[in-house]
Amino acid sequence: MDRRGTARTAHVDTFARDHLPPPDQWPQLRFDLPELRYPERLNCAAELLDGADDPGRPAFRTAPGTVWTYGELRARVDRLAHLLTGDLGVVPGNRVLLRGPTTPWLAACWLAVLKAGAVAVTVLAQQRPHELSAMCEIARVRHALCDVRAVTDLAAARVPGLRITTYGGAGPDDLLNRPASTAPYPAVDTAADDVALIAFTSGTTGRPKGCVHLHRDIPAIADTFSRHILKPCADDLFAGSPPLGFTFGLGGLVIFPMRAGACSLLLERAGPRHLLAAIAAHRVSVLFTAPTAYRVMLDDLDGYDVTSLRRCVSAGENLPAATWRAWHARTGLGLINGIGATELLHIFLSAADERIRPGTTGLPVPGWQARVQDPHGEPVPDGRPGLLAVRGPVGCRYLADPRQREYVRGGWNVTGDTYVREPDGYFRYLARADDMIVSAGYNIAGPEVEEALLRHPAVAEAAVVGRPDAGRGQVVVAHVVLKEGAEPDAEALAVFVRSELAPYKCPREIVFHDALPRTATGKLQRFRLTDAGTCGDTGPHPDDLR
């Protein structure tokens, strides 16, 4: 199967499948490794739930000390699947939004949606009503399972026809309190190329892009990066900071450990100091987080026992060689650097152990190919900067989005990153090739923040740029022109943006101008804003309250 495949779909609701890009806009898919040649019928949830031979082995732990075995997880997933397809009326192919902090129940809901043949749309608990509304509109979401603690913004989104079912509450209608069958739930006989999930990523225009992934894609990321680079074993305990709404977290905290029959420690609070405490208390062996967190943890390592760690994965932003060397000097562990993308589900360039070279991302993960090319799609010589292009068993498929043609060119996925390929095959990151701001592992579209600022009645113009920052890679800086008569009030604008957007997107600095720099034709000159001064402190940023 090179493109869309020919297997019969199990979906009754075929919206997601019907809105895939046309076959000529798909990337070339490669299944070069024997382990990537999956059968035509495959339900990825059933595959993951069968990861442990012993149902008594732990699958999920929590910091308070709760433990779910694989047998208990399977029973809870089956009960949820019965409720989905019974009480809630979900049919195969329906999109089901999932929202809440990182808990075993959120993971169980994700597995139940997939086992029932529906399509999981996991979003961040931080996202605000208008963000949620846009995603529900794009994916035509009509069902939602939401942690009761995260329901307010989802309800405020006022999505037409959306049925919200909470879990974790006390009422009789709560998902976990409803009577349901305890019989095993037979997994829906999905095709390997049936849609399993839609993961949203920010676009440079601010309109989110729905990245569609198939049932075969879920084991594929485990059978490439996890199997060949991470090399987990059943006795490993995974932990990390990325939420399950990010595919970095979904892979590192659910898919990879379950594929190996291992256990994951799911943390609701996962800042750097929370991670250190969890590693010491629970003897975590595999850690997933961003370079920013590793830098912060270095300052507090002496207070915690981290000798249980054997694998530390860094992704989400570029890993500086200095951070790698400092971590290695303090712990003896080489950080496994990697680059992935929501469009490709997880990491496709990386290296581990003796193949690590600090200052580079690494080599193509087994099962993947990579090259550096010019804007016309022609490979460039080693040592010369160009656009990173990759292909493998997973590829970009935007849901009904014309930006598909920008990402997939000539059968390759063009990630928007500027890279150099060294003569010996290692890939070295230079910069983002677009206007995306990458701050502490979060991708932030400047135009989306600009749009939020422009919704404030005092703002006439806004331009948002990333400023280099030693701690976070970049920080968001907003440059604002006020309407006549308005008084500059950075704190008020910051509070307003925090009410409109997820906290990580909010500006750390707001700079006021009489006018923004433009060319003679009126085009904004963003590069001239990079070194602009600040007007003062905007108050504590939400990310600082960790």
Protein backbone atom coordinates (compact mmCIF):
# COMPACT_ATOMS: atom_id res chain seq x y z
CA MET A 1 0.00 0.00 0.00
CA ASP A 2 1.84 3.11 -1.22
CA ARG A 3 -0.92 5.70 -0.98
CA ARG A 4 -4.37 5.30 0.50
CA GLY A 5 -4.62 1.53 0.48
CA THR A 6 -7.56 -0.56 -0.66
CA ALA A 7 -8.82 -2.24 2.50
CA ARG A 8 -12.55 -2.03 3.26
CA THR A 9 -13.28 0.63 5.85
CA ALA A 10 -15.05 -0.21 9.10
CA HIS A 11 -16.27 3.36 9.44
CA VAL A 12 -19.97 4.10 9.29
CA ASP A 13 -19.27 7.83 9.51
CA THR A 14 -16.72 8.35 6.73
CA PHE A 15 -16.21 12.13 7.12
CA ALA A 16 -12.52 11.90 8.06
CA ARG A 17 -11.70 9.41 5.32
CA ASP A 18 -13.69 11.42 2.76
CA HIS A 19 -11.74 14.59 3.60
CA LEU A 20 -8.25 13.16 3.28
CA PRO A 21 -6.10 14.82 0.62
CA PRO A 22 -6.42 13.38 -2.89
CA PRO A 23 -3.97 10.54 -3.55
CA ASP A 24 -1.67 12.67 -5.71
CA GLN A 25 -1.05 14.99 -2.74
CA TRP A 26 0.04 12.22 -0.37
CA PRO A 27 3.70 11.72 0.48
CA GLN A 28 5.37 8.56 -0.64
CA LEU A 29 4.98 6.03 2.18
CA ARG A 30 7.70 3.47 2.82
CA PHE A 31 7.41 0.21 4.75
CA ASP A 32 10.99 -0.96 4.35
CA LEU A 33 11.35 -2.80 7.66
CA PRO A 34 9.69 -6.22 8.08
CA GLU A 35 8.00 -5.07 11.29
CA LEU A 36 6.21 -2.31 9.36
CA ARG A 37 4.31 -4.67 7.09
CA TYR A 38 1.04 -4.72 8.97
CA PRO A 39 -2.03 -6.79 8.08
CA GLU A 40 -4.89 -5.09 6.23
CA ARG A 41 -7.14 -5.36 9.32
CA LEU A 42 -5.68 -3.74 12.43
CA ASN A 43 -7.15 -1.99 15.48
CA CYS A 44 -4.31 -0.13 17.16
CA ALA A 45 -5.99 -0.05 20.60
CA ALA A 46 -6.29 -3.82 20.62
CA GLU A 47 -2.64 -4.03 19.58
CA LEU A 48 -1.53 -1.83 22.47
CA LEU A 49 -3.73 -3.50 25.08
CA ASP A 50 -2.16 -6.83 24.18
CA GLY A 51 1.34 -5.39 24.80
CA ALA A 52 1.81 -7.20 28.11
CA ASP A 53 1.63 -10.98 28.25
CA ASP A 54 0.84 -10.86 31.98
CA PRO A 55 -2.40 -8.95 32.80
CA GLY A 56 -1.03 -8.42 36.31
CA ARG A 57 1.82 -6.23 35.11
CA PRO A 58 1.43 -2.49 35.86
CA ALA A 59 0.35 -0.34 32.91
CA PHE A 60 -0.18 3.09 34.49
CA ARG A 61 0.88 4.66 37.77
CA THR A 62 0.09 8.05 39.26
CA ALA A 63 2.11 10.19 41.68
CA PRO A 64 -0.41 9.63 44.53
CA GLY A 65 0.35 5.91 44.24
CA THR A 66 -2.51 4.53 42.14
CA VAL A 67 -1.57 1.54 39.99
CA TRP A 68 -3.55 0.12 37.07
CA THR A 69 -2.53 -3.28 35.78
CA TYR A 70 -2.92 -4.22 32.13
CA GLY A 71 -5.84 -6.43 33.10
CA GLU A 72 -7.56 -3.57 34.93
CA LEU A 73 -6.84 -1.18 32.09
CA ARG A 74 -8.33 -3.57 29.54
CA ALA A 75 -11.47 -4.04 31.67
CA ARG A 76 -11.93 -0.27 32.08
CA VAL A 77 -11.36 0.39 28.39
CA ASP A 78 -13.93 -2.28 27.48
CA ARG A 79 -16.46 -0.78 29.89
CA LEU A 80 -15.91 2.68 28.37
CA ALA A 81 -16.22 1.29 24.85
CA HIS A 82 -19.59 -0.28 25.78
CA LEU A 83 -20.76 3.12 27.09
CA LEU A 84 -19.54 4.95 24.00
CA THR A 85 -21.35 2.70 21.57
CA GLY A 86 -24.38 2.16 23.82
CA ASP A 87 -25.46 5.11 25.96
CA LEU A 88 -23.64 7.74 23.92
CA GLY A 89 -24.48 6.45 20.45
CA VAL A 90 -20.97 6.72 19.01
CA VAL A 91 -20.54 4.83 15.73
CA PRO A 92 -17.28 3.89 13.97
CA GLY A 93 -15.78 6.95 12.32
CA ASN A 94 -17.38 9.55 14.65
CA ARG A 95 -14.86 12.06 15.95
CA VAL A 96 -14.65 12.13 19.75
CA LEU A 97 -12.88 15.03 21.43
CA LEU A 98 -10.88 14.16 24.56
CA ARG A 99 -9.87 16.83 27.06
CA GLY A 100 -8.32 16.74 30.49
CA PRO A 101 -5.08 16.63 32.45
CA THR A 102 -2.73 13.68 31.99
CA THR A 103 -4.37 10.82 33.91
CA PRO A 104 -4.97 7.09 33.40
CA TRP A 105 -8.64 7.89 32.71
CA LEU A 106 -7.73 10.17 29.80
CA ALA A 107 -5.52 7.43 28.36
CA ALA A 108 -8.29 4.85 28.89
CA CYS A 109 -10.80 7.08 27.09
CA TRP A 110 -8.36 7.42 24.16
CA LEU A 111 -7.97 3.65 23.94
CA ALA A 112 -11.73 3.09 24.22
CA VAL A 113 -12.48 5.53 21.40
CA LEU A 114 -10.04 3.70 19.13
CA LYS A 115 -11.19 0.25 20.17
CA ALA A 116 -14.77 1.29 19.32
CA GLY A 117 -13.61 2.32 15.84
CA ALA A 118 -14.14 6.04 16.42
CA VAL A 119 -11.60 8.81 15.78
CA ALA A 120 -9.81 10.35 18.76
CA VAL A 121 -9.29 14.13 18.80
CA THR A 122 -7.21 14.82 21.91
CA VAL A 123 -6.79 18.50 22.75
CA LEU A 124 -4.92 20.41 25.43
CA ALA A 125 -6.61 21.21 28.72
CA GLN A 126 -5.12 24.71 28.34
CA GLN A 127 -6.90 25.60 25.10
CA ARG A 128 -9.52 28.32 25.18
CA PRO A 129 -13.11 28.33 23.90
CA HIS A 130 -12.49 29.86 20.48
CA GLU A 131 -9.57 27.47 19.87
CA LEU A 132 -11.74 24.50 20.81
CA SER A 133 -14.58 25.78 18.65
CA ALA A 134 -12.31 26.00 15.59
CA MET A 135 -11.04 22.45 16.03
CA CYS A 136 -14.54 21.05 16.53
CA GLU A 137 -15.69 22.85 13.41
CA ILE A 138 -12.81 21.57 11.27
CA ALA A 139 -13.18 17.94 12.45
CA ARG A 140 -17.00 18.03 12.71
CA VAL A 141 -16.84 16.83 16.30
CA ARG A 142 -20.18 15.93 17.90
CA HIS A 143 -19.04 13.90 20.94
CA ALA A 144 -16.65 14.90 23.74
CA LEU A 145 -15.30 13.13 26.82
CA CYS A 146 -13.97 15.73 29.23
CA ASP A 147 -12.45 15.63 32.70
CA VAL A 148 -14.94 17.44 34.91
CA ARG A 149 -12.17 19.84 35.98
CA ALA A 150 -11.62 20.98 32.37
CA VAL A 151 -15.20 21.30 31.15
CA THR A 152 -15.79 25.04 31.63
CA ASP A 153 -13.95 26.27 28.53
CA LEU A 154 -15.28 23.41 26.41
CA ALA A 155 -18.87 24.27 27.38
CA ALA A 156 -18.13 27.96 26.74
CA ALA A 157 -17.06 27.10 23.18
CA ARG A 158 -20.76 26.53 22.42
CA VAL A 159 -20.12 24.04 19.63
CA PRO A 160 -23.43 23.34 17.86
CA GLY A 161 -24.63 19.79 18.45
CA LEU A 162 -21.69 18.82 20.69
CA ARG A 163 -22.60 16.26 23.34
CA ILE A 164 -20.23 16.67 26.30
CA THR A 165 -19.90 13.79 28.75
CA THR A 166 -17.74 14.44 31.80
CA TYR A 167 -15.68 11.95 33.73
CA GLY A 168 -14.33 12.16 37.26
CA GLY A 169 -17.40 13.86 38.73
CA ALA A 170 -19.99 12.84 41.28
CA GLY A 171 -23.22 12.95 39.27
CA PRO A 172 -25.11 9.90 37.96
CA ASP A 173 -24.57 11.05 34.35
CA ASP A 174 -20.80 11.12 34.79
CA LEU A 175 -19.14 8.66 32.45
CA LEU A 176 -17.55 6.71 35.29
CA ASN A 177 -20.79 6.44 37.29
CA ARG A 178 -23.05 5.12 34.55
CA PRO A 179 -24.05 1.45 34.62
CA ALA A 180 -22.28 -0.46 31.85
CA SER A 181 -21.53 -3.96 30.69
CA THR A 182 -18.47 -5.61 32.20
CA ALA A 183 -18.22 -8.09 29.33
CA PRO A 184 -15.15 -7.96 27.07
CA TYR A 185 -15.62 -5.53 24.19
CA PRO A 186 -14.64 -6.98 20.83
CA ALA A 187 -12.49 -4.41 19.03
CA VAL A 188 -14.08 -2.99 15.88
CA ASP A 189 -12.50 -4.65 12.86
CA THR A 190 -10.90 -1.49 11.51
CA ALA A 191 -8.75 -1.46 8.42
CA ALA A 192 -5.10 -0.61 8.95
CA ASP A 193 -5.69 2.50 6.83
CA ASP A 194 -8.85 3.62 8.68
CA VAL A 195 -8.47 6.97 10.43
CA ALA A 196 -7.58 6.57 14.12
CA LEU A 197 -6.85 10.10 15.30
CA ILE A 198 -6.76 13.75 14.31
CA ALA A 199 -4.04 15.78 16.03
CA PHE A 200 -4.20 19.54 15.70
CA THR A 201 -1.17 21.70 15.19
CA SER A 202 -0.90 25.45 14.83
CA GLY A 203 -0.55 26.89 11.37
CA THR A 204 1.39 30.03 10.49
CA THR A 205 -1.97 31.69 9.71
CA GLY A 206 -3.28 30.83 13.17
CA ARG A 207 -5.93 28.45 11.82
CA PRO A 208 -5.20 25.00 13.25
CA LYS A 209 -4.37 22.14 10.92
CA GLY A 210 -5.87 18.71 11.54
CA CYS A 211 -3.21 16.03 11.06
CA VAL A 212 -4.89 12.74 10.23
CA HIS A 213 -3.27 9.48 11.33
CA LEU A 214 -4.31 5.91 10.59
CA HIS A 215 -4.48 2.80 12.75
CA ARG A 216 -1.24 1.47 11.25
CA ASP A 217 0.56 4.74 12.09
CA ILE A 218 0.33 4.15 15.84
CA PRO A 219 2.38 0.93 15.92
CA ALA A 220 4.64 2.35 13.20
CA ILE A 221 6.11 5.07 15.42
CA ALA A 222 6.73 2.48 18.14
CA ASP A 223 8.29 0.04 15.69
CA THR A 224 10.70 2.69 14.36
CA PHE A 225 11.90 5.25 16.93
CA SER A 226 10.95 3.36 20.09
CA ARG A 227 12.10 -0.07 18.96
CA HIS A 228 15.34 0.95 17.23
CA ILE A 229 16.48 4.08 19.11
CA LEU A 230 14.84 4.05 22.55
CA LYS A 231 14.93 0.24 22.94
CA PRO A 232 12.61 -0.01 25.99
CA CYS A 233 12.04 -3.17 27.99
CA ALA A 234 9.01 -4.40 29.93
CA ASP A 235 10.54 -3.36 33.27
CA ASP A 236 10.88 0.29 32.28
CA LEU A 237 8.88 3.05 33.93
CA PHE A 238 8.22 5.98 31.57
CA ALA A 239 7.45 9.57 32.61
CA GLY A 240 7.57 13.00 31.05
CA SER A 241 6.18 16.49 30.72
CA PRO A 242 4.33 16.60 27.36
CA PRO A 243 0.54 16.24 27.67
CA LEU A 244 -1.35 13.63 25.69
CA GLY A 245 -2.75 16.38 23.46
CA PHE A 246 0.77 16.58 21.97
CA THR A 247 1.81 13.58 19.90
CA PHE A 248 5.23 13.78 21.63
CA GLY A 249 3.45 12.94 24.88
CA LEU A 250 1.01 10.47 23.33
CA GLY A 251 3.90 8.45 21.96
CA GLY A 252 6.24 8.75 24.92
CA LEU A 253 3.69 8.17 27.68
CA VAL A 254 1.14 5.78 26.14
CA ILE A 255 2.10 4.22 22.80
CA PHE A 256 5.77 3.38 23.44
CA PRO A 257 5.41 1.91 26.94
CA MET A 258 2.32 -0.09 26.02
CA ARG A 259 3.92 -1.44 22.84
CA ALA A 260 6.76 -2.74 25.04
CA GLY A 261 4.48 -4.04 27.81
CA ALA A 262 6.03 -1.47 30.16
CA CYS A 263 4.51 1.03 32.61
CA SER A 264 3.97 4.79 32.46
CA LEU A 265 3.83 7.24 35.35
CA LEU A 266 1.17 9.80 34.34
CA LEU A 267 1.69 13.16 36.03
CA GLU A 268 -0.88 15.92 36.20
CA ARG A 269 1.84 18.37 37.19
CA ALA A 270 5.03 17.80 35.22
CA GLY A 271 7.21 20.90 35.49
CA PRO A 272 10.96 20.30 35.86
CA ARG A 273 10.91 20.13 39.65
CA HIS A 274 7.85 17.86 39.64
CA LEU A 275 9.72 15.57 37.26
CA LEU A 276 12.76 15.40 39.53
CA ALA A 277 10.61 14.52 42.51
CA ALA A 278 8.75 11.86 40.52
CA ILE A 279 11.97 10.31 39.19
CA ALA A 280 13.36 10.01 42.71
CA ALA A 281 10.15 8.76 44.33
CA HIS A 282 9.08 6.25 41.68
CA ARG A 283 12.43 5.25 40.12
CA VAL A 284 11.59 6.40 36.60
CA SER A 285 13.87 4.90 33.96
CA VAL A 286 12.72 6.57 30.70
CA LEU A 287 12.11 10.33 30.58
CA PHE A 288 10.53 12.50 27.84
CA THR A 289 10.77 16.28 28.03
CA ALA A 290 12.09 19.39 26.26
CA PRO A 291 15.60 20.89 26.42
CA THR A 292 14.23 23.74 28.54
CA ALA A 293 13.26 21.30 31.27
CA TYR A 294 16.64 19.56 31.23
CA ARG A 295 18.33 22.95 31.65
CA VAL A 296 16.10 23.82 34.61
CA MET A 297 16.59 20.40 36.23
CA LEU A 298 20.37 20.79 36.13
CA ASP A 299 20.13 23.46 38.84
CA ASP A 300 18.39 21.09 41.26
CA LEU A 301 19.92 17.69 40.48
CA ASP A 302 21.88 17.54 43.72
CA GLY A 303 18.68 17.37 45.73
CA TYR A 304 17.27 14.29 43.99
CA ASP A 305 18.30 10.72 43.28
CA VAL A 306 18.01 10.25 39.50
CA THR A 307 20.19 7.16 39.24
CA SER A 308 17.20 5.10 38.06
CA LEU A 309 17.22 6.94 34.71
CA ARG A 310 18.67 5.08 31.76
CA ARG A 311 17.05 6.85 28.78
CA CYS A 312 16.38 10.61 28.48
CA VAL A 313 14.66 11.84 25.32
CA SER A 314 14.77 15.49 24.30
CA ALA A 315 12.49 16.92 21.62
CA GLY A 316 10.13 19.80 20.96
CA GLU A 317 12.89 22.33 20.28
CA ASN A 318 16.55 22.34 19.33
CA LEU A 319 18.88 20.76 21.92
CA PRO A 320 22.02 22.91 22.36
CA ALA A 321 25.30 21.03 22.61
CA ALA A 322 26.03 22.84 25.89
CA THR A 323 22.86 21.42 27.47
CA TRP A 324 23.75 17.92 26.26
CA ARG A 325 27.26 18.16 27.72
CA ALA A 326 26.08 19.60 31.02
CA TRP A 327 23.49 16.83 31.48
CA HIS A 328 26.03 14.17 30.52
CA ALA A 329 28.61 15.58 32.95
CA ARG A 330 26.14 15.57 35.84
CA THR A 331 24.35 12.27 35.18
CA GLY A 332 26.56 10.21 32.86
CA LEU A 333 23.58 9.94 30.50
CA GLY A 334 23.59 11.06 26.88
CA LEU A 335 20.39 12.88 25.99
CA ILE A 336 18.65 11.26 23.02
CA ASN A 337 17.94 14.25 20.82
CA GLY A 338 15.19 14.01 18.22
CA ILE A 339 13.00 15.95 15.86
CA GLY A 340 9.43 14.98 15.15
CA ALA A 341 6.29 16.67 13.88
CA THR A 342 2.59 16.38 14.54
CA GLU A 343 2.24 15.79 10.80
CA LEU A 344 4.47 12.71 11.10
CA LEU A 345 3.24 11.73 14.59
CA HIS A 346 6.62 11.36 16.28
CA ILE A 347 10.42 11.39 15.97
CA PHE A 348 12.11 10.62 12.63
CA LEU A 349 15.68 11.93 13.14
CA SER A 350 17.61 10.85 16.23
CA ALA A 351 20.57 8.92 17.60
CA ALA A 352 21.36 7.07 20.83
CA ASP A 353 24.33 5.73 22.73
CA GLU A 354 27.63 5.78 20.85
CA ARG A 355 25.98 7.26 17.75
CA ILE A 356 25.06 10.50 19.55
CA ARG A 357 26.90 13.58 18.33
CA PRO A 358 26.19 16.66 20.47
CA GLY A 359 25.11 19.66 18.43
CA THR A 360 23.34 17.52 15.82
CA THR A 361 19.88 16.01 15.77
CA GLY A 362 21.21 12.69 14.56
CA LEU A 363 20.49 10.32 11.72
CA PRO A 364 17.30 9.09 10.03
CA VAL A 365 15.52 6.67 12.36
CA PRO A 366 15.39 3.16 10.86
CA GLY A 367 12.36 3.04 8.59
CA TRP A 368 12.78 6.71 7.60
CA GLN A 369 14.69 8.56 4.90
CA ALA A 370 15.77 12.21 5.06
CA ARG A 371 17.49 14.74 2.85
CA VAL A 372 18.12 18.49 2.61
CA GLN A 373 16.70 20.19 -0.46
CA ASP A 374 16.27 23.61 -2.02
CA PRO A 375 12.88 25.38 -2.40
CA HIS A 376 12.45 23.70 -5.79
CA GLY A 377 12.77 20.20 -4.33
CA GLU A 378 16.30 19.51 -5.54
CA PRO A 379 18.77 17.97 -3.05
CA VAL A 380 21.54 20.33 -1.96
CA PRO A 381 25.16 19.26 -1.38
CA ASP A 382 26.29 18.23 2.09
CA GLY A 383 27.28 21.20 4.19
CA ARG A 384 24.86 23.59 2.50
CA PRO A 385 21.69 24.77 4.29
CA GLY A 386 18.32 23.79 2.91
CA LEU A 387 14.89 22.50 3.82
CA LEU A 388 14.58 19.23 5.69
CA ALA A 389 12.52 16.64 3.79
CA VAL A 390 11.62 13.19 5.13
CA ARG A 391 9.56 10.15 4.23
CA GLY A 392 8.76 6.87 5.93
CA PRO A 393 5.81 4.75 7.12
CA VAL A 394 3.84 7.80 8.32
CA GLY A 395 3.14 10.94 6.31
CA CYS A 396 1.35 14.26 6.40
CA ARG A 397 -2.37 14.16 5.63
CA TYR A 398 -4.13 17.38 6.54
CA LEU A 399 -7.88 17.22 6.98
CA ALA A 400 -9.42 19.21 4.11
CA ASP A 401 -6.66 21.82 4.15
CA PRO A 402 -5.02 23.41 1.09
CA ARG A 403 -1.76 23.69 3.05
CA GLN A 404 -1.23 20.00 2.20
CA ARG A 405 0.52 21.16 -0.99
CA GLU A 406 2.97 23.23 1.06
CA TYR A 407 3.98 20.38 3.35
CA VAL A 408 4.12 17.53 0.83
CA ARG A 409 6.23 18.23 -2.23
CA GLY A 410 7.28 15.62 -4.72
CA GLY A 411 6.39 12.78 -2.37
CA TRP A 412 8.47 14.18 0.51
CA ASN A 413 7.29 15.75 3.78
CA VAL A 414 8.93 19.19 3.98
CA THR A 415 8.93 20.06 7.66
CA GLY A 416 9.66 23.79 7.53
CA ASP A 417 13.03 23.39 9.27
CA THR A 418 16.34 24.58 7.86
CA TYR A 419 19.02 21.91 8.20
CA VAL A 420 22.51 21.01 7.05
CA ARG A 421 23.48 17.43 6.28
CA GLU A 422 27.08 16.80 7.27
CA PRO A 423 29.31 14.72 4.94
CA ASP A 424 29.06 11.71 7.27
CA GLY A 425 25.24 11.77 7.20
CA TYR A 426 24.43 13.58 10.45
CA PHE A 427 21.73 16.26 10.32
CA ARG A 428 22.30 19.60 12.04
CA TYR A 429 19.45 22.01 12.81
CA LEU A 430 19.81 25.69 11.91
CA ALA A 431 16.41 27.38 12.30
CA ARG A 432 12.73 27.34 11.50
CA ALA A 433 12.11 28.29 7.89
CA ASP A 434 8.79 30.02 8.62
CA ASP A 435 7.45 32.43 11.22
CA MET A 436 6.70 29.76 13.82
CA ILE A 437 8.00 30.61 17.28
CA VAL A 438 9.31 27.62 19.25
CA SER A 439 9.34 28.39 22.97
CA ALA A 440 10.13 25.74 25.58
CA GLY A 441 9.02 23.02 23.19
CA TYR A 442 5.74 24.68 22.21
CA ASN A 443 5.05 25.71 18.62
CA ILE A 444 3.40 29.12 18.60
CA ALA A 445 2.05 30.83 15.48
CA GLY A 446 2.71 34.55 15.71
CA PRO A 447 -0.33 35.50 13.59
CA GLU A 448 -2.63 33.64 15.99
CA VAL A 449 -1.36 35.74 18.90
CA GLU A 450 -1.70 38.86 16.75
CA GLU A 451 -5.33 37.99 16.06
CA ALA A 452 -5.99 37.67 19.79
CA LEU A 453 -4.41 41.06 20.48
CA LEU A 454 -6.45 42.67 17.72
CA ARG A 455 -9.63 41.51 19.44
CA HIS A 456 -8.84 43.97 22.25
CA PRO A 457 -10.71 47.25 21.64
CA ALA A 458 -7.60 49.38 22.27
CA VAL A 459 -5.32 47.65 19.74
CA ALA A 460 -4.95 49.03 16.22
CA GLU A 461 -2.03 46.91 14.97
CA ALA A 462 -0.01 44.01 16.33
CA ALA A 463 3.03 42.06 15.25
CA VAL A 464 4.35 39.08 17.18
CA VAL A 465 7.88 37.74 16.84
CA GLY A 466 10.17 35.33 18.62
CA ARG A 467 13.19 36.67 20.47
CA PRO A 468 16.14 34.36 21.19
CA ASP A 469 16.25 33.28 24.81
CA ALA A 470 18.91 31.20 26.55
CA GLY A 471 16.41 29.38 28.73
CA ARG A 472 13.54 28.70 26.31
CA GLY A 473 15.03 28.89 22.86
CA GLN A 474 12.66 31.74 22.02
CA VAL A 475 10.12 33.86 23.86
CA VAL A 476 7.03 35.53 22.42
CA VAL A 477 7.25 39.32 22.09
CA ALA A 478 4.25 41.38 20.97
CA HIS A 479 4.69 44.75 19.27
CA VAL A 480 1.53 46.83 19.48
CA VAL A 481 0.15 50.08 18.05
CA LEU A 482 -2.76 51.42 20.08
CA LYS A 483 -5.82 53.23 18.82
CA GLU A 484 -5.88 56.99 19.29
CA GLY A 485 -6.53 57.96 22.88
CA ALA A 486 -5.79 54.52 24.35
CA GLU A 487 -3.32 54.34 27.22
CA PRO A 488 -0.51 51.76 27.11
CA ASP A 489 -1.27 49.09 29.70
CA ALA A 490 0.87 45.98 29.19
CA GLU A 491 -0.63 44.08 32.11
CA ALA A 492 -4.21 44.60 30.90
CA LEU A 493 -3.30 43.38 27.42
CA ALA A 494 -1.46 40.37 28.86
CA VAL A 495 -4.48 39.44 30.97
CA PHE A 496 -6.73 39.78 27.92
CA VAL A 497 -4.54 37.50 25.78
CA ARG A 498 -4.44 34.92 28.58
CA SER A 499 -8.24 34.82 28.44
CA GLU A 500 -8.13 34.21 24.68
CA LEU A 501 -5.28 31.73 24.20
CA ALA A 502 -3.54 28.85 25.92
CA PRO A 503 -1.05 30.29 28.44
CA TYR A 504 2.07 29.10 26.60
CA LYS A 505 1.13 31.29 23.61
CA CYS A 506 0.93 34.50 25.65
CA PRO A 507 3.57 37.21 25.13
CA ARG A 508 6.29 37.53 27.72
CA GLU A 509 6.87 41.11 26.64
CA ILE A 510 4.60 43.74 25.09
CA VAL A 511 6.25 46.68 23.33
CA PHE A 512 4.26 49.76 22.33
CA HIS A 513 5.01 51.70 19.12
CA ASP A 514 3.64 54.73 17.31
CA ALA A 515 3.88 52.69 14.08
CA LEU A 516 5.21 49.30 12.95
CA PRO A 517 8.08 49.15 10.46
CA ARG A 518 6.88 48.50 6.92
CA THR A 519 8.25 48.55 3.39
CA ALA A 520 7.17 51.10 0.79
CA THR A 521 4.53 48.61 -0.35
CA GLY A 522 3.17 48.21 3.20
CA LYS A 523 4.71 44.81 4.00
CA LEU A 524 5.56 44.38 7.68
CA GLN A 525 9.31 44.14 8.34
CA ARG A 526 9.33 41.64 11.18
CA PHE A 527 13.11 41.39 11.27
CA ARG A 528 13.31 45.02 12.44
CA LEU A 529 11.28 44.14 15.54
CA THR A 530 13.66 41.53 16.87
CA ASP A 531 15.88 43.99 18.74
CA ALA A 532 13.17 46.45 19.77
CA GLY A 533 13.20 47.52 23.40
CA THR A 534 10.55 46.66 25.95
CA CYS A 535 8.11 48.95 27.64
CA GLY A 536 8.22 47.13 30.95
CA ASP A 537 7.22 43.97 32.77
CA THR A 538 3.90 42.45 31.71
CA GLY A 539 3.57 40.59 35.00
CA PRO A 540 4.20 36.90 35.66
CA HIS A 541 3.76 34.70 32.61
CA PRO A 542 1.54 31.62 33.16
CA ASP A 543 4.50 29.32 32.39
CA ASP A 544 6.38 30.79 35.36
CA LEU A 545 3.74 29.54 37.79
CA ARG A 546 5.08 26.00 37.80
